[in-house]
Protein backbone atom coordinates (compact mmCIF):
# COMPACT_ATOMS: atom_id res chain seq x y z
CA MET A 1 -0.42 -3.06 -31.34
CA PHE A 2 -3.80 -4.96 -33.03
CA TYR A 3 -4.38 -8.45 -33.20
CA GLU A 4 -6.65 -10.04 -35.71
CA ASN A 5 -8.75 -12.46 -35.01
CA THR A 6 -8.40 -12.23 -30.82
CA GLY A 7 -11.27 -11.78 -28.23
CA LEU A 8 -11.68 -9.94 -24.98
CA VAL A 9 -14.32 -10.78 -22.87
CA LEU A 10 -15.31 -9.63 -19.36
CA GLU A 11 -17.69 -10.29 -17.04
CA GLY A 12 -19.95 -8.03 -15.51
CA GLY A 13 -19.72 -8.52 -11.27
CA GLY A 14 -21.36 -4.95 -10.11
CA MET A 15 -18.81 -2.89 -8.65
CA ARG A 16 -16.22 -5.46 -8.71
CA GLY A 17 -15.83 -4.11 -12.12
CA SER A 18 -13.06 -1.88 -10.74
CA TYR A 19 -11.28 -4.76 -11.45
CA THR A 20 -11.84 -4.93 -14.71
CA ALA A 21 -11.03 -0.87 -15.19
CA GLY A 22 -7.41 -1.54 -13.74
CA VAL A 23 -6.19 -4.78 -16.24
CA LEU A 24 -8.00 -2.69 -19.01
CA ASP A 25 -6.22 0.38 -18.62
CA TYR A 26 -3.05 -1.04 -18.54
CA PHE A 27 -3.18 -2.04 -21.52
CA MET A 28 -4.89 1.29 -22.86
CA GLU A 29 -1.55 2.26 -21.92
CA LYS A 30 0.28 0.05 -23.58
CA GLY A 31 -1.28 0.42 -26.38
CA LEU A 32 -3.27 -3.30 -26.66
CA MET A 33 -5.94 -4.26 -29.15
CA LEU A 34 -7.88 -7.38 -29.82
CA SER A 35 -10.20 -7.14 -32.06
CA HIS A 36 -13.33 -8.39 -30.93
CA VAL A 37 -14.62 -7.52 -27.22
CA TYR A 38 -17.40 -8.65 -25.66
CA GLY A 39 -19.28 -6.99 -22.26
CA VAL A 40 -21.32 -8.25 -19.93
CA SER A 41 -23.10 -5.72 -17.52
CA ALA A 42 -20.12 -3.50 -15.93
CA GLY A 43 -17.98 -5.47 -18.25
CA ALA A 44 -20.35 -4.13 -21.30
CA LEU A 45 -19.57 0.01 -19.64
CA ILE A 46 -15.86 -0.34 -18.52
CA GLY A 47 -14.96 -2.63 -21.91
CA ALA A 48 -17.55 0.89 -23.58
CA ASN A 49 -14.48 3.38 -22.27
CA TYR A 50 -11.29 0.39 -23.86
CA VAL A 51 -12.77 0.77 -27.51
CA CYS A 52 -13.28 4.50 -26.61
CA GLY A 53 -9.37 4.32 -25.61
CA GLN A 54 -10.31 6.63 -22.18
CA VAL A 55 -7.87 5.42 -19.69
CA GLY A 56 -9.04 6.04 -16.53
CA ARG A 57 -12.97 6.70 -17.36
CA GLY A 58 -13.83 3.13 -16.40
CA PHE A 59 -12.88 3.41 -12.66
CA ARG A 60 -14.36 7.44 -11.93
CA THR A 61 -17.43 6.38 -14.36
CA LEU A 62 -18.10 3.55 -12.07
CA THR A 63 -17.19 4.35 -8.34
CA GLY A 64 -17.09 8.65 -9.38
CA TYR A 65 -20.57 9.47 -8.45
CA ILE A 66 -21.11 6.89 -5.46
CA GLY A 67 -22.03 9.88 -3.67
CA ASN A 68 -24.24 11.56 -5.05
CA LYS A 69 -27.98 11.41 -4.92
CA ASP A 70 -28.88 12.34 -8.22
CA TYR A 71 -27.09 9.03 -9.75
CA SER A 72 -28.60 6.27 -7.55
CA GLY A 73 -31.06 5.07 -4.39
CA LEU A 74 -33.99 4.21 -3.36
CA LYS A 75 -35.97 7.13 -4.25
CA HIS A 76 -34.73 6.55 -7.91
CA LEU A 77 -35.99 3.21 -7.67
CA VAL A 78 -39.50 3.87 -6.47
CA LYS A 79 -39.92 6.68 -8.65
CA GLU A 80 -38.46 5.38 -12.08
CA GLY A 81 -38.26 1.97 -11.41
CA ASN A 82 -34.99 2.10 -11.79
CA TRP A 83 -32.08 1.91 -8.45
CA PHE A 84 -29.58 3.93 -11.35
CA ASN A 85 -30.81 7.64 -12.54
CA VAL A 86 -31.14 6.79 -16.26
CA ASP A 87 -31.15 10.17 -17.43
CA PHE A 88 -27.27 11.04 -15.38
CA SER A 89 -26.07 7.86 -15.92
CA TYR A 90 -26.80 7.63 -19.58
CA ASN A 91 -27.37 11.06 -20.99
CA ARG A 92 -25.38 13.40 -18.24
CA ILE A 93 -22.74 11.72 -17.24
CA PRO A 94 -21.68 10.79 -20.80
CA ASN A 95 -22.15 14.12 -22.41
CA GLU A 96 -21.63 17.04 -20.11
CA LEU A 97 -20.03 15.28 -16.96
CA ASP A 98 -17.24 12.99 -18.54
CA PRO A 99 -17.92 12.80 -21.93
CA ALA A 100 -17.16 9.82 -23.77
CA ASP A 101 -15.16 10.16 -26.90
CA TYR A 102 -17.80 9.02 -29.62
CA ASP A 103 -15.67 9.59 -32.18
CA SER A 104 -12.40 6.90 -30.73
CA PHE A 105 -15.45 4.26 -30.71
CA SER A 106 -16.09 4.88 -34.36
CA ALA A 107 -13.12 5.25 -35.66
CA SER A 108 -11.51 2.03 -33.64
CA PRO A 109 -10.49 -1.25 -35.48
CA MET A 110 -12.02 -3.20 -32.40
CA LYS A 111 -15.69 -4.36 -32.68
CA PHE A 112 -17.69 -3.95 -29.59
CA PHE A 113 -20.17 -6.36 -28.66
CA ALA A 114 -23.01 -5.86 -26.11
CA VAL A 115 -24.54 -8.91 -24.05
CA ILE A 116 -28.12 -8.54 -22.97
CA ALA A 117 -30.77 -10.70 -21.61
CA ASN A 118 -34.45 -11.05 -23.85
CA LEU A 119 -36.80 -11.46 -21.61
CA GLU A 120 -39.49 -13.44 -24.07
CA THR A 121 -37.44 -16.39 -24.84
CA GLY A 122 -34.35 -15.58 -21.98
CA CYS A 123 -32.51 -16.29 -24.72
CA ALA A 124 -28.45 -13.89 -24.83
CA GLU A 125 -28.64 -11.63 -27.60
CA TYR A 126 -25.02 -10.03 -29.25
CA PRO A 127 -25.57 -6.57 -30.54
CA GLN A 128 -22.01 -4.87 -32.34
CA LEU A 129 -22.44 -1.75 -31.13
CA LYS A 130 -20.63 1.03 -33.63
CA ASP A 131 -21.79 4.28 -32.51
CA LEU A 132 -22.34 4.17 -29.02
CA ARG A 133 -23.54 7.97 -28.66
CA LYS A 134 -27.05 5.67 -30.80
CA ASP A 135 -26.68 2.92 -29.34
CA MET A 136 -26.01 3.63 -25.74
CA ASP A 137 -29.05 2.35 -24.69
CA TRP A 138 -28.25 -0.82 -26.12
CA LEU A 139 -25.06 -0.76 -23.50
CA ARG A 140 -27.60 0.57 -20.66
CA ALA A 141 -29.62 -2.88 -21.22
CA SER A 142 -25.96 -4.82 -20.30
CA ALA A 143 -26.27 -3.75 -17.27
CA SER A 144 -29.57 -3.39 -16.23
CA LEU A 145 -29.78 -5.64 -13.46
CA PRO A 146 -33.38 -7.67 -12.19
CA LEU A 147 -34.97 -6.00 -9.49
CA LEU A 148 -33.10 -3.13 -9.70
CA SER A 149 -34.24 -1.85 -13.71
CA LYS A 150 -37.22 -1.37 -15.70
CA PRO A 151 -36.76 -3.55 -18.79
CA VAL A 152 -35.08 -1.82 -21.50
CA PRO A 153 -37.03 -1.82 -24.61
CA LEU A 154 -35.07 -2.05 -27.82
CA GLY A 155 -36.59 -3.37 -31.18
CA ASP A 156 -39.21 -5.41 -30.46
CA GLY A 157 -38.01 -7.46 -27.31
CA LEU A 158 -37.72 -6.43 -23.17
CA TYR A 159 -34.17 -6.77 -22.37
CA LEU A 160 -32.25 -6.39 -19.03
CA ASP A 161 -28.87 -7.62 -17.65
CA GLY A 162 -27.01 -9.87 -20.86
CA GLY A 163 -25.02 -11.82 -17.02
CA ILE A 164 -28.52 -13.53 -16.48
CA SER A 165 -28.18 -15.81 -20.13
CA ASP A 166 -24.65 -15.36 -20.56
CA SER A 167 -22.03 -14.38 -17.82
CA ILE A 168 -18.80 -15.53 -19.25
CA PRO A 169 -19.70 -15.24 -23.18
CA LEU A 170 -16.00 -16.73 -24.36
CA GLU A 171 -18.58 -19.55 -26.66
CA LYS A 172 -19.65 -16.77 -28.33
CA SER A 173 -15.91 -15.17 -29.58
CA VAL A 174 -14.88 -18.78 -30.09
CA ALA A 175 -18.42 -19.37 -32.33
CA ASP A 176 -16.98 -15.96 -33.98
CA GLY A 177 -13.87 -17.55 -35.30
CA ASN A 178 -11.57 -15.80 -32.74
CA THR A 179 -8.37 -18.09 -32.08
CA LYS A 180 -7.55 -16.86 -28.96
CA ASN A 181 -8.80 -15.26 -26.24
CA VAL A 182 -8.20 -13.12 -22.95
CA VAL A 183 -10.91 -13.09 -20.56
CA ILE A 184 -11.19 -10.90 -17.49
CA LEU A 185 -13.37 -11.92 -14.75
CA THR A 186 -14.03 -10.67 -11.58
CA GLN A 187 -14.07 -13.42 -8.73
CA HIS A 188 -11.21 -15.86 -8.22
CA ARG A 189 -10.17 -19.21 -9.74
CA GLU A 190 -12.28 -21.26 -6.46
CA PHE A 191 -15.18 -19.41 -6.35
CA VAL A 192 -18.49 -20.98 -7.73
CA LYS A 193 -20.99 -19.46 -7.63
CA LYS A 194 -24.44 -20.40 -5.47
CA PRO A 195 -28.52 -20.07 -6.12
CA SER A 196 -29.16 -16.82 -5.97
CA SER A 197 -31.82 -15.48 -4.16
CA ASN A 198 -32.83 -13.12 -6.51
CA ARG A 199 -35.04 -16.12 -7.65
CA TYR A 200 -38.08 -15.78 -5.78
CA PRO A 201 -38.65 -12.38 -5.42
CA ALA A 202 -38.17 -12.62 -10.07
CA ARG A 203 -40.31 -15.54 -10.40
CA LEU A 204 -43.67 -13.57 -9.12
CA MET A 205 -41.68 -9.52 -10.92
CA TYR A 206 -41.09 -11.50 -14.31
CA ARG A 207 -44.20 -14.21 -14.43
CA LYS A 208 -45.04 -13.45 -17.76
CA TYR A 209 -41.51 -14.41 -19.36
CA PRO A 210 -41.49 -17.35 -17.64
CA ALA A 211 -38.19 -18.36 -20.30
CA PHE A 212 -36.14 -15.44 -18.00
CA VAL A 213 -37.37 -16.87 -15.03
CA LYS A 214 -35.43 -19.69 -15.70
CA ALA A 215 -32.47 -18.79 -16.85
CA MET A 216 -32.37 -16.98 -13.33
CA ASP A 217 -33.36 -19.99 -11.83
CA GLU A 218 -30.63 -21.55 -13.91
CA ARG A 219 -28.11 -18.81 -13.52
CA HIS A 220 -25.36 -20.06 -11.03
CA ASN A 221 -25.41 -23.92 -13.16
CA MET A 222 -24.11 -22.20 -16.16
CA TYR A 223 -22.50 -19.65 -14.83
CA ASN A 224 -19.87 -23.19 -13.42
CA ARG A 225 -20.17 -24.61 -16.43
CA GLN A 226 -19.12 -21.32 -17.81
CA THR A 227 -15.97 -21.38 -16.22
CA GLU A 228 -15.49 -24.99 -16.20
CA TYR A 229 -15.20 -23.95 -20.21
CA VAL A 230 -12.50 -21.34 -19.73
CA TYR A 231 -10.34 -23.20 -17.85
CA GLN A 232 -10.42 -26.21 -20.22
CA GLN A 233 -9.74 -23.05 -23.01
CA GLU A 234 -6.61 -22.29 -21.21
CA LYS A 235 -5.80 -25.53 -20.40
CA ALA A 236 -5.78 -25.82 -23.87
CA GLY A 237 -3.62 -22.66 -24.45
CA THR A 238 -6.51 -20.77 -26.84
CA THR A 239 -7.29 -18.41 -24.33
CA TYR A 240 -5.16 -17.21 -20.96
CA VAL A 241 -7.23 -15.84 -17.95
CA ILE A 242 -6.89 -13.05 -15.58
CA GLN A 243 -8.84 -13.02 -13.08
CA PRO A 244 -8.30 -12.21 -8.24
CA GLN A 245 -6.00 -13.92 -7.28
CA ARG A 246 -8.26 -13.69 -3.50
CA PRO A 247 -11.79 -13.60 -2.97
CA VAL A 248 -12.92 -10.18 -4.23
CA GLU A 249 -14.81 -8.67 -0.86
CA ILE A 250 -16.95 -6.45 -2.56
CA ALA A 251 -20.27 -5.98 -2.94
CA ARG A 252 -22.49 -5.79 -6.40
CA LEU A 253 -23.08 -2.11 -5.19
CA GLU A 254 -20.36 -1.29 -3.40
CA LYS A 255 -20.39 1.96 -1.93
CA ASP A 256 -16.86 2.36 0.00
CA THR A 257 -14.49 3.98 -2.63
CA SER A 258 -11.35 3.29 -0.96
CA LYS A 259 -12.48 -0.68 -1.47
CA LEU A 260 -13.43 -0.30 -4.73
CA ARG A 261 -9.53 1.69 -5.57
CA ARG A 262 -7.20 -1.21 -4.18
CA LEU A 263 -9.79 -3.65 -5.87
CA TYR A 264 -8.56 -1.15 -9.04
CA ASP A 265 -5.24 -0.92 -8.32
CA ILE A 266 -5.26 -4.82 -7.84
CA GLY A 267 -6.40 -5.13 -11.56
CA TYR A 268 -3.62 -2.35 -12.74
CA ARG A 269 -1.22 -4.61 -11.30
CA ASP A 270 -1.94 -7.89 -12.75
CA GLY A 271 -2.27 -5.94 -16.07
CA LYS A 272 1.16 -5.34 -16.01
CA LYS A 273 2.25 -9.01 -14.14
CA HIS A 274 -0.01 -10.80 -16.90
CA TYR A 275 1.27 -7.80 -20.08
CA GLU A 276 4.24 -9.23 -21.55
CA ASN A 277 2.84 -13.21 -20.99
CA ILE A 278 -0.33 -12.18 -22.93
CA ILE A 279 1.98 -10.38 -25.75
CA ARG A 280 3.41 -13.84 -26.10
CA PHE A 281 0.17 -15.92 -26.27
CA LEU A 282 -1.30 -13.73 -28.67
CA SER A 283 1.70 -13.76 -31.24
CA GLU A 284 2.03 -17.07 -31.38
């Protein structure tokens, strides 16, 4: 089932993306497709698998290599400037170890956008990825965590995690003309974002990019305004929200795979629980 003029908005959150992976696996099993997909950070990585139609791959690639020394860790941060080994994550996994279905991505009727943050302007940008093999660096930029990743050079700019500038791009989807939107959040409804302690080292590391530093300083306010907007649109009947019902006790770089599997299972059950209501919502 393909629905025109609809948006699927996927929040990031590091390993909390296990929840999103569970929801989207159920959607894929039912053949549910929305016309526009907007992924932020981990939400972009998992959303790309949704567009590919690869059930299970989002969770596998997010959690399946946690114990592999070639995947991530301090040695990669010291040696390369990236906590996650770029070659392993964006070459070996999608091309050798757990191949991405590039052809299905390109053939999909869904339009996919990865949210990225421009260091110079501090603003979000929304490139549309049409060829996942060629556009992999756009996906990488969206998931490149500040302080743990080198900025990704793309065109004339440098980019990092899109969540710094637009954590929940519902307003972008609405501006693109999508009259119905499904938003998948990775925090519970009562969550209020607090100022991050990372703001202080970021001021030093990114001192050449004051607009980006300001975006990091103000991120908690931006995020809280966005969740308020999401719930307003939900009340207005234009947005359907899926999110964990309880606080998610998962670290951004969580390594306990049993916790991540439980969160995935919760997401899968929530996808199943909400599915019929979502179909009615999209069909009205």
